[in-house]
Amino acid sequence: MHDARTGNLLGAAALTVTDLVLAGATGAAGVSASGAAALVVLAASPGLSGTELGRRVGLSQSAAARMVGALEGRGLVERRPGQGREVSIRPTRAGRRAAGELLAARGTRLAGALAVLDDAERAALTGLLEKLLTGLYGEVGDAQLVCRLCDRGSCTEGAVCPVGQAERDREGRT
């Protein structure tokens, strides 16, 4: 019974935090949830192919092409010739600015959610989330997908990203 309650509480909290974060992030950038994730991914890794971008944000190739078209129509990304027949997707200046704004809005929403916890509780939650994310990476198996809307700098500043470490461990790297 306790595990069912804990799981239910986690599900409710996860869904509510997701709703708040996505509302803040998509509102700040004026794009869809997948568009927001794409801008964050491209800000960190400009020049991805449409196929790779789609993989990293969890979209099929055709859905990714439609999303890129919508972002391009808003002046947030541009397509450039890549290797062979591939097309490279890069954020424009407006796209990089939008990525920064949506990460800031995301951070504000998350800070608000954590404000009810004191320092010791936040430290305990950090350790639990690191362990949980390591386990979730094992389920998903793709760090890029797990971290598609992450502020990577805040996760790795003075610490090791648990998802990145889980991926390195899986691949036999340190």
N, C-alpha and C. Protein backbone atom coordinates (compact mmCIF):
# COMPACT_ATOMS: atom_id res chain seq x y z
N MET A 1 0.83 -1.20 0.00
CA MET A 1 0.00 0.00 0.00
C MET A 1 0.86 1.25 0.00
N HIS A 2 1.92 1.24 0.82
CA HIS A 2 2.79 2.40 0.91
C HIS A 2 3.45 2.69 -0.44
N ASP A 3 3.92 1.64 -1.16
CA ASP A 3 4.55 1.84 -2.46
C ASP A 3 3.57 2.43 -3.47
N ALA A 4 2.32 1.97 -3.42
CA ALA A 4 1.31 2.51 -4.33
C ALA A 4 1.07 3.99 -4.03
N ARG A 5 1.02 4.35 -2.77
CA ARG A 5 0.81 5.76 -2.40
C ARG A 5 2.01 6.60 -2.82
N THR A 6 3.21 6.09 -2.56
CA THR A 6 4.41 6.82 -2.95
C THR A 6 4.45 7.03 -4.45
N GLY A 7 4.15 5.98 -5.20
CA GLY A 7 4.10 6.09 -6.66
C GLY A 7 3.05 7.08 -7.11
N ASN A 8 1.90 7.05 -6.49
CA ASN A 8 0.83 7.98 -6.85
C ASN A 8 1.23 9.42 -6.54
N LEU A 9 1.86 9.64 -5.39
CA LEU A 9 2.32 10.99 -5.04
C LEU A 9 3.39 11.46 -6.03
N LEU A 10 4.31 10.56 -6.40
CA LEU A 10 5.33 10.91 -7.38
C LEU A 10 4.68 11.26 -8.71
N GLY A 11 3.71 10.46 -9.14
CA GLY A 11 3.03 10.72 -10.41
C GLY A 11 2.33 12.06 -10.41
N ALA A 12 1.62 12.38 -9.33
CA ALA A 12 0.92 13.66 -9.25
C ALA A 12 1.91 14.82 -9.23
N ALA A 13 2.99 14.68 -8.46
CA ALA A 13 3.99 15.75 -8.40
C ALA A 13 4.68 15.91 -9.75
N ALA A 14 5.05 14.79 -10.39
CA ALA A 14 5.73 14.86 -11.67
C ALA A 14 4.86 15.53 -12.72
N LEU A 15 3.59 15.16 -12.76
CA LEU A 15 2.69 15.73 -13.75
C LEU A 15 2.47 17.22 -13.51
N THR A 16 2.30 17.61 -12.25
CA THR A 16 2.09 19.02 -11.93
C THR A 16 3.33 19.85 -12.24
N VAL A 17 4.50 19.34 -11.86
CA VAL A 17 5.73 20.06 -12.17
C VAL A 17 5.91 20.16 -13.69
N THR A 18 5.62 19.09 -14.41
CA THR A 18 5.72 19.11 -15.87
C THR A 18 4.78 20.16 -16.45
N ASP A 19 3.55 20.19 -15.98
CA ASP A 19 2.59 21.19 -16.47
C ASP A 19 3.09 22.60 -16.22
N LEU A 20 3.58 22.88 -15.01
CA LEU A 20 4.07 24.21 -14.67
C LEU A 20 5.29 24.59 -15.50
N VAL A 21 6.23 23.66 -15.62
CA VAL A 21 7.46 23.93 -16.36
C VAL A 21 7.15 24.15 -17.84
N LEU A 22 6.35 23.28 -18.43
CA LEU A 22 6.04 23.43 -19.84
C LEU A 22 5.25 24.70 -20.12
N ALA A 23 4.33 25.05 -19.23
CA ALA A 23 3.58 26.29 -19.42
C ALA A 23 4.52 27.49 -19.40
N GLY A 24 5.46 27.49 -18.46
CA GLY A 24 6.42 28.59 -18.40
C GLY A 24 7.35 28.60 -19.59
N ALA A 25 7.87 27.44 -19.96
CA ALA A 25 8.84 27.37 -21.05
C ALA A 25 8.20 27.65 -22.40
N THR A 26 7.07 27.04 -22.68
CA THR A 26 6.44 27.25 -23.98
C THR A 26 5.88 28.67 -24.08
N GLY A 27 5.40 29.19 -22.98
CA GLY A 27 4.90 30.57 -22.98
C GLY A 27 6.01 31.57 -23.23
N ALA A 28 7.18 31.32 -22.63
CA ALA A 28 8.31 32.24 -22.80
C ALA A 28 8.79 32.26 -24.24
N ALA A 29 8.80 31.11 -24.88
CA ALA A 29 9.30 31.03 -26.25
C ALA A 29 8.20 31.09 -27.30
N GLY A 30 6.95 30.89 -26.86
CA GLY A 30 5.84 30.90 -27.81
C GLY A 30 5.87 29.72 -28.77
N VAL A 31 6.34 28.57 -28.29
CA VAL A 31 6.44 27.37 -29.13
C VAL A 31 5.82 26.19 -28.40
N SER A 32 5.69 25.08 -29.12
CA SER A 32 5.18 23.84 -28.53
C SER A 32 6.21 23.25 -27.57
N ALA A 33 5.80 22.22 -26.83
CA ALA A 33 6.73 21.54 -25.92
C ALA A 33 7.90 20.93 -26.69
N SER A 34 7.61 20.30 -27.84
CA SER A 34 8.70 19.72 -28.62
C SER A 34 9.56 20.83 -29.24
N GLY A 35 8.95 21.94 -29.61
CA GLY A 35 9.70 23.07 -30.13
C GLY A 35 10.62 23.66 -29.07
N ALA A 36 10.12 23.74 -27.84
CA ALA A 36 10.95 24.23 -26.73
C ALA A 36 12.14 23.31 -26.52
N ALA A 37 11.88 22.01 -26.49
CA ALA A 37 12.97 21.04 -26.32
C ALA A 37 13.97 21.15 -27.47
N ALA A 38 13.47 21.32 -28.69
CA ALA A 38 14.35 21.43 -29.84
C ALA A 38 15.25 22.66 -29.73
N LEU A 39 14.71 23.77 -29.30
CA LEU A 39 15.52 24.98 -29.15
C LEU A 39 16.62 24.79 -28.11
N VAL A 40 16.28 24.13 -27.00
CA VAL A 40 17.29 23.88 -25.96
C VAL A 40 18.36 22.93 -26.48
N VAL A 41 17.94 21.87 -27.15
CA VAL A 41 18.90 20.91 -27.71
C VAL A 41 19.80 21.60 -28.73
N LEU A 42 19.23 22.39 -29.63
CA LEU A 42 20.02 23.06 -30.66
C LEU A 42 20.93 24.14 -30.08
N ALA A 43 20.52 24.78 -29.01
CA ALA A 43 21.40 25.77 -28.37
C ALA A 43 22.65 25.08 -27.83
N ALA A 44 22.49 23.85 -27.33
CA ALA A 44 23.63 23.10 -26.80
C ALA A 44 24.40 22.37 -27.90
N SER A 45 23.71 21.97 -28.97
CA SER A 45 24.33 21.18 -30.05
C SER A 45 23.85 21.68 -31.41
N PRO A 46 24.28 22.88 -31.83
CA PRO A 46 23.82 23.39 -33.12
C PRO A 46 24.34 22.53 -34.26
N GLY A 47 23.57 22.46 -35.33
CA GLY A 47 24.01 21.77 -36.52
C GLY A 47 23.57 20.32 -36.62
N LEU A 48 22.64 19.90 -35.76
CA LEU A 48 22.14 18.53 -35.84
C LEU A 48 21.31 18.35 -37.11
N SER A 49 21.25 17.13 -37.57
CA SER A 49 20.35 16.82 -38.68
C SER A 49 18.93 16.79 -38.12
N GLY A 50 17.96 16.89 -39.01
CA GLY A 50 16.57 16.80 -38.58
C GLY A 50 16.25 15.47 -37.94
N THR A 51 16.83 14.41 -38.46
CA THR A 51 16.61 13.08 -37.91
C THR A 51 17.16 12.98 -36.49
N GLU A 52 18.39 13.47 -36.29
CA GLU A 52 19.00 13.41 -34.95
C GLU A 52 18.26 14.32 -33.98
N LEU A 53 17.86 15.49 -34.43
CA LEU A 53 17.09 16.39 -33.57
C LEU A 53 15.79 15.70 -33.15
N GLY A 54 15.11 15.10 -34.08
CA GLY A 54 13.88 14.38 -33.77
C GLY A 54 14.11 13.29 -32.75
N ARG A 55 15.19 12.53 -32.91
CA ARG A 55 15.51 11.47 -31.95
C ARG A 55 15.72 12.04 -30.56
N ARG A 56 16.43 13.15 -30.49
CA ARG A 56 16.74 13.73 -29.18
C ARG A 56 15.53 14.33 -28.48
N VAL A 57 14.52 14.71 -29.22
CA VAL A 57 13.31 15.27 -28.59
C VAL A 57 12.15 14.30 -28.60
N GLY A 58 12.37 13.09 -29.13
CA GLY A 58 11.36 12.05 -29.08
C GLY A 58 10.29 12.15 -30.16
N LEU A 59 10.68 12.60 -31.35
CA LEU A 59 9.74 12.73 -32.46
C LEU A 59 10.17 11.86 -33.64
N SER A 60 9.20 11.42 -34.41
CA SER A 60 9.51 10.72 -35.66
C SER A 60 10.14 11.72 -36.62
N GLN A 61 10.73 11.19 -37.69
CA GLN A 61 11.37 12.07 -38.67
C GLN A 61 10.36 13.04 -39.29
N SER A 62 9.16 12.55 -39.61
CA SER A 62 8.17 13.43 -40.23
C SER A 62 7.67 14.49 -39.25
N ALA A 63 7.46 14.10 -38.00
CA ALA A 63 7.02 15.08 -36.99
C ALA A 63 8.12 16.10 -36.73
N ALA A 64 9.36 15.64 -36.71
CA ALA A 64 10.48 16.56 -36.50
C ALA A 64 10.58 17.55 -37.66
N ALA A 65 10.36 17.07 -38.89
CA ALA A 65 10.40 17.96 -40.05
C ALA A 65 9.32 19.04 -39.95
N ARG A 66 8.13 18.65 -39.51
CA ARG A 66 7.05 19.64 -39.34
C ARG A 66 7.41 20.65 -38.24
N MET A 67 7.98 20.15 -37.14
CA MET A 67 8.35 21.04 -36.04
C MET A 67 9.44 22.01 -36.49
N VAL A 68 10.45 21.50 -37.21
CA VAL A 68 11.52 22.37 -37.70
C VAL A 68 10.94 23.41 -38.66
N GLY A 69 10.01 23.00 -39.50
CA GLY A 69 9.36 23.95 -40.41
C GLY A 69 8.65 25.06 -39.65
N ALA A 70 7.97 24.69 -38.57
CA ALA A 70 7.27 25.70 -37.75
C ALA A 70 8.27 26.63 -37.07
N LEU A 71 9.35 26.08 -36.55
CA LEU A 71 10.38 26.92 -35.91
C LEU A 71 11.06 27.82 -36.93
N GLU A 72 11.29 27.29 -38.12
CA GLU A 72 11.90 28.08 -39.18
C GLU A 72 10.96 29.21 -39.61
N GLY A 73 9.69 28.91 -39.68
CA GLY A 73 8.70 29.92 -40.04
C GLY A 73 8.64 31.07 -39.05
N ARG A 74 8.98 30.79 -37.80
CA ARG A 74 9.00 31.84 -36.76
C ARG A 74 10.36 32.51 -36.65
N GLY A 75 11.31 32.09 -37.51
CA GLY A 75 12.65 32.70 -37.49
C GLY A 75 13.52 32.23 -36.35
N LEU A 76 13.23 31.07 -35.78
CA LEU A 76 13.98 30.58 -34.62
C LEU A 76 15.09 29.60 -34.99
N VAL A 77 14.96 28.95 -36.15
CA VAL A 77 16.01 28.06 -36.64
C VAL A 77 16.17 28.29 -38.14
N GLU A 78 17.30 27.81 -38.64
CA GLU A 78 17.53 27.85 -40.08
C GLU A 78 18.14 26.52 -40.51
N ARG A 79 17.83 26.15 -41.72
CA ARG A 79 18.38 24.93 -42.30
C ARG A 79 19.58 25.32 -43.16
N ARG A 80 20.64 24.53 -43.04
CA ARG A 80 21.83 24.74 -43.85
C ARG A 80 22.26 23.40 -44.44
N PRO A 81 22.94 23.44 -45.58
CA PRO A 81 23.44 22.17 -46.13
C PRO A 81 24.37 21.49 -45.14
N GLY A 82 24.19 20.20 -45.00
CA GLY A 82 25.06 19.41 -44.12
C GLY A 82 25.92 18.49 -44.97
N GLN A 83 26.28 17.34 -44.39
CA GLN A 83 27.08 16.37 -45.13
C GLN A 83 26.19 15.59 -46.09
N GLY A 84 26.64 15.46 -47.30
CA GLY A 84 25.87 14.71 -48.30
C GLY A 84 24.50 15.34 -48.50
N ARG A 85 23.46 14.52 -48.31
CA ARG A 85 22.10 15.01 -48.50
C ARG A 85 21.48 15.54 -47.21
N GLU A 86 22.23 15.44 -46.11
CA GLU A 86 21.69 15.90 -44.84
C GLU A 86 21.56 17.42 -44.79
N VAL A 87 20.63 17.84 -43.98
CA VAL A 87 20.43 19.26 -43.72
C VAL A 87 20.75 19.50 -42.25
N SER A 88 21.52 20.53 -42.00
CA SER A 88 21.93 20.91 -40.66
C SER A 88 20.94 21.94 -40.12
N ILE A 89 20.48 21.75 -38.89
CA ILE A 89 19.54 22.68 -38.27
C ILE A 89 20.31 23.50 -37.23
N ARG A 90 20.21 24.80 -37.33
CA ARG A 90 20.91 25.70 -36.40
C ARG A 90 19.93 26.73 -35.86
N PRO A 91 20.08 27.06 -34.58
CA PRO A 91 19.24 28.13 -34.05
C PRO A 91 19.72 29.48 -34.58
N THR A 92 18.79 30.36 -34.84
CA THR A 92 19.14 31.74 -35.20
C THR A 92 19.43 32.50 -33.91
N ARG A 93 19.80 33.74 -34.04
CA ARG A 93 20.01 34.56 -32.84
C ARG A 93 18.73 34.61 -32.02
N ALA A 94 17.59 34.77 -32.70
CA ALA A 94 16.30 34.78 -32.01
C ALA A 94 16.03 33.42 -31.35
N GLY A 95 16.44 32.34 -32.00
CA GLY A 95 16.27 31.00 -31.44
C GLY A 95 17.11 30.79 -30.20
N ARG A 96 18.34 31.27 -30.22
CA ARG A 96 19.21 31.15 -29.03
C ARG A 96 18.64 32.00 -27.89
N ARG A 97 18.14 33.18 -28.22
CA ARG A 97 17.53 34.04 -27.20
C ARG A 97 16.29 33.36 -26.62
N ALA A 98 15.46 32.77 -27.47
CA ALA A 98 14.26 32.07 -27.01
C ALA A 98 14.63 30.89 -26.12
N ALA A 99 15.69 30.16 -26.48
CA ALA A 99 16.13 29.03 -25.65
C ALA A 99 16.54 29.53 -24.27
N GLY A 100 17.26 30.63 -24.22
CA GLY A 100 17.66 31.21 -22.93
C GLY A 100 16.45 31.65 -22.11
N GLU A 101 15.49 32.26 -22.77
CA GLU A 101 14.28 32.72 -22.08
C GLU A 101 13.45 31.55 -21.56
N LEU A 102 13.35 30.50 -22.34
CA LEU A 102 12.55 29.38 -21.86
C LEU A 102 13.25 28.63 -20.74
N LEU A 103 14.59 28.54 -20.78
CA LEU A 103 15.29 27.92 -19.66
C LEU A 103 15.17 28.77 -18.40
N ALA A 104 15.18 30.08 -18.55
CA ALA A 104 14.99 30.96 -17.40
C ALA A 104 13.59 30.79 -16.82
N ALA A 105 12.58 30.72 -17.69
CA ALA A 105 11.20 30.52 -17.22
C ALA A 105 11.06 29.17 -16.55
N ARG A 106 11.68 28.15 -17.12
CA ARG A 106 11.68 26.81 -16.53
C ARG A 106 12.31 26.86 -15.14
N GLY A 107 13.45 27.52 -15.04
CA GLY A 107 14.15 27.62 -13.76
C GLY A 107 13.32 28.34 -12.71
N THR A 108 12.63 29.38 -13.12
CA THR A 108 11.77 30.13 -12.18
C THR A 108 10.65 29.24 -11.65
N ARG A 109 10.01 28.47 -12.54
CA ARG A 109 8.94 27.57 -12.12
C ARG A 109 9.47 26.48 -11.18
N LEU A 110 10.63 25.93 -11.49
CA LEU A 110 11.20 24.89 -10.64
C LEU A 110 11.62 25.45 -9.28
N ALA A 111 12.21 26.64 -9.28
CA ALA A 111 12.59 27.26 -8.00
C ALA A 111 11.35 27.51 -7.15
N GLY A 112 10.26 27.92 -7.79
CA GLY A 112 9.02 28.11 -7.05
C GLY A 112 8.51 26.82 -6.44
N ALA A 113 8.61 25.74 -7.18
CA ALA A 113 8.16 24.44 -6.66
C ALA A 113 9.01 23.99 -5.49
N LEU A 114 10.31 24.29 -5.53
CA LEU A 114 11.22 23.86 -4.47
C LEU A 114 11.20 24.79 -3.26
N ALA A 115 10.58 25.94 -3.39
CA ALA A 115 10.60 26.94 -2.32
C ALA A 115 9.96 26.44 -1.02
N VAL A 116 9.10 25.45 -1.10
CA VAL A 116 8.45 24.93 0.12
C VAL A 116 9.40 24.05 0.94
N LEU A 117 10.55 23.71 0.39
CA LEU A 117 11.52 22.86 1.08
C LEU A 117 12.64 23.70 1.69
N ASP A 118 13.13 23.28 2.87
CA ASP A 118 14.28 23.97 3.44
C ASP A 118 15.56 23.41 2.82
N ASP A 119 16.71 23.96 3.22
CA ASP A 119 17.97 23.55 2.61
C ASP A 119 18.25 22.06 2.77
N ALA A 120 18.02 21.53 3.95
CA ALA A 120 18.28 20.10 4.20
C ALA A 120 17.34 19.23 3.36
N GLU A 121 16.10 19.63 3.25
CA GLU A 121 15.15 18.87 2.43
C GLU A 121 15.53 18.91 0.95
N ARG A 122 15.99 20.08 0.48
CA ARG A 122 16.43 20.18 -0.92
C ARG A 122 17.65 19.32 -1.17
N ALA A 123 18.59 19.29 -0.21
CA ALA A 123 19.77 18.44 -0.36
C ALA A 123 19.38 16.96 -0.41
N ALA A 124 18.45 16.57 0.46
CA ALA A 124 17.99 15.17 0.45
C ALA A 124 17.28 14.85 -0.86
N LEU A 125 16.46 15.77 -1.34
CA LEU A 125 15.75 15.57 -2.60
C LEU A 125 16.74 15.46 -3.76
N THR A 126 17.79 16.26 -3.74
CA THR A 126 18.81 16.18 -4.79
C THR A 126 19.39 14.78 -4.88
N GLY A 127 19.77 14.22 -3.75
CA GLY A 127 20.32 12.87 -3.74
C GLY A 127 19.32 11.83 -4.24
N LEU A 128 18.08 11.97 -3.84
CA LEU A 128 17.04 11.04 -4.29
C LEU A 128 16.78 11.17 -5.79
N LEU A 129 16.77 12.40 -6.29
CA LEU A 129 16.54 12.61 -7.72
C LEU A 129 17.71 12.08 -8.55
N GLU A 130 18.93 12.23 -8.04
CA GLU A 130 20.08 11.67 -8.76
C GLU A 130 19.93 10.15 -8.88
N LYS A 131 19.54 9.51 -7.80
CA LYS A 131 19.35 8.05 -7.82
C LYS A 131 18.19 7.66 -8.74
N LEU A 132 17.10 8.40 -8.65
CA LEU A 132 15.93 8.13 -9.49
C LEU A 132 16.27 8.31 -10.97
N LEU A 133 16.96 9.38 -11.31
CA LEU A 133 17.32 9.63 -12.71
C LEU A 133 18.28 8.58 -13.26
N THR A 134 19.19 8.11 -12.41
CA THR A 134 20.09 7.03 -12.84
C THR A 134 19.27 5.80 -13.20
N GLY A 135 18.28 5.46 -12.38
CA GLY A 135 17.41 4.34 -12.67
C GLY A 135 16.55 4.57 -13.90
N LEU A 136 16.03 5.78 -14.05
CA LEU A 136 15.20 6.10 -15.22
C LEU A 136 16.01 6.06 -16.50
N TYR A 137 17.27 6.46 -16.43
CA TYR A 137 18.12 6.35 -17.62
C TYR A 137 18.19 4.89 -18.06
N GLY A 138 18.28 3.97 -17.11
CA GLY A 138 18.32 2.55 -17.43
C GLY A 138 17.08 2.11 -18.19
N GLU A 139 15.94 2.73 -17.90
CA GLU A 139 14.68 2.42 -18.60
C GLU A 139 14.67 3.02 -20.00
N VAL A 140 15.06 4.29 -20.10
CA VAL A 140 14.98 5.03 -21.36
C VAL A 140 16.18 4.73 -22.25
N GLY A 141 17.38 4.69 -21.65
CA GLY A 141 18.59 4.37 -22.40
C GLY A 141 19.11 5.44 -23.32
N ASP A 142 18.68 6.68 -23.12
CA ASP A 142 19.11 7.77 -24.01
C ASP A 142 19.19 9.06 -23.20
N ALA A 143 20.42 9.45 -22.86
CA ALA A 143 20.62 10.65 -22.04
C ALA A 143 20.09 11.90 -22.73
N GLN A 144 20.24 11.97 -24.05
CA GLN A 144 19.77 13.15 -24.79
C GLN A 144 18.26 13.30 -24.65
N LEU A 145 17.55 12.19 -24.67
CA LEU A 145 16.10 12.23 -24.56
C LEU A 145 15.68 12.59 -23.13
N VAL A 146 16.33 11.99 -22.14
CA VAL A 146 16.00 12.29 -20.74
C VAL A 146 16.24 13.76 -20.45
N CYS A 147 17.32 14.31 -20.97
CA CYS A 147 17.73 15.69 -20.64
C CYS A 147 17.36 16.70 -21.71
N ARG A 148 16.34 16.43 -22.50
CA ARG A 148 16.03 17.27 -23.65
C ARG A 148 15.61 18.69 -23.29
N LEU A 149 15.15 18.91 -22.09
CA LEU A 149 14.75 20.26 -21.68
C LEU A 149 15.53 20.71 -20.45
N CYS A 150 16.73 20.15 -20.27
CA CYS A 150 17.55 20.47 -19.10
C CYS A 150 18.39 21.72 -19.32
N ASP A 151 18.59 22.43 -18.24
CA ASP A 151 19.59 23.50 -18.20
C ASP A 151 20.89 22.80 -17.82
N ARG A 152 21.64 22.41 -18.82
CA ARG A 152 22.81 21.55 -18.59
C ARG A 152 23.86 22.21 -17.72
N GLY A 153 24.02 23.50 -17.84
CA GLY A 153 25.00 24.19 -17.02
C GLY A 153 24.70 24.09 -15.54
N SER A 154 23.43 24.21 -15.17
CA SER A 154 23.09 24.16 -13.75
C SER A 154 23.25 22.75 -13.19
N CYS A 155 23.15 21.74 -14.04
CA CYS A 155 23.27 20.35 -13.59
C CYS A 155 24.72 19.93 -13.41
N THR A 156 25.62 20.53 -14.17
CA THR A 156 27.01 20.09 -14.15
C THR A 156 27.94 21.07 -13.44
N GLU A 157 27.40 22.18 -12.97
CA GLU A 157 28.22 23.16 -12.27
C GLU A 157 28.55 22.64 -10.88
N GLY A 158 29.79 22.21 -10.69
CA GLY A 158 30.22 21.71 -9.40
C GLY A 158 29.70 20.32 -9.07
N ALA A 159 29.16 19.62 -10.04
CA ALA A 159 28.60 18.28 -9.83
C ALA A 159 28.70 17.50 -11.12
N VAL A 160 28.39 16.23 -11.02
CA VAL A 160 28.35 15.36 -12.19
C VAL A 160 26.89 15.05 -12.48
N CYS A 161 26.48 15.22 -13.74
CA CYS A 161 25.11 14.90 -14.13
C CYS A 161 24.89 13.40 -13.94
N PRO A 162 23.88 13.00 -13.17
CA PRO A 162 23.67 11.57 -12.94
C PRO A 162 23.27 10.82 -14.21
N VAL A 163 22.58 11.48 -15.11
CA VAL A 163 22.17 10.83 -16.36
C VAL A 163 23.38 10.65 -17.27
N GLY A 164 24.19 11.67 -17.39
CA GLY A 164 25.42 11.56 -18.19
C GLY A 164 26.35 10.49 -17.62
N GLN A 165 26.44 10.43 -16.30
CA GLN A 165 27.30 9.42 -15.67
C GLN A 165 26.75 8.02 -15.90
N ALA A 166 25.43 7.87 -15.82
CA ALA A 166 24.82 6.56 -16.08
C ALA A 166 25.11 6.12 -17.51
N GLU A 167 25.07 7.07 -18.45
CA GLU A 167 25.36 6.74 -19.84
C GLU A 167 26.83 6.35 -20.00
N ARG A 168 27.74 7.10 -19.38
CA ARG A 168 29.16 6.76 -19.46
C ARG A 168 29.42 5.39 -18.83
N ASP A 169 28.77 5.11 -17.70
CA ASP A 169 28.93 3.81 -17.05
C ASP A 169 28.44 2.69 -17.96
N ARG A 170 27.32 2.90 -18.60
CA ARG A 170 26.75 1.88 -19.50
C ARG A 170 27.69 1.60 -20.68
N GLU A 171 28.34 2.65 -21.17
CA GLU A 171 29.23 2.52 -22.32
C GLU A 171 30.66 2.14 -21.92
N GLY A 172 30.90 2.00 -20.61
CA GLY A 172 32.22 1.62 -20.13
C GLY A 172 33.22 2.76 -20.11
N ARG A 173 32.71 4.00 -20.14
CA ARG A 173 33.57 5.19 -20.05
C ARG A 173 33.48 5.73 -18.64
N THR A 174 34.44 6.55 -18.23
CA THR A 174 34.38 7.17 -16.90
C THR A 174 34.17 8.64 -16.98
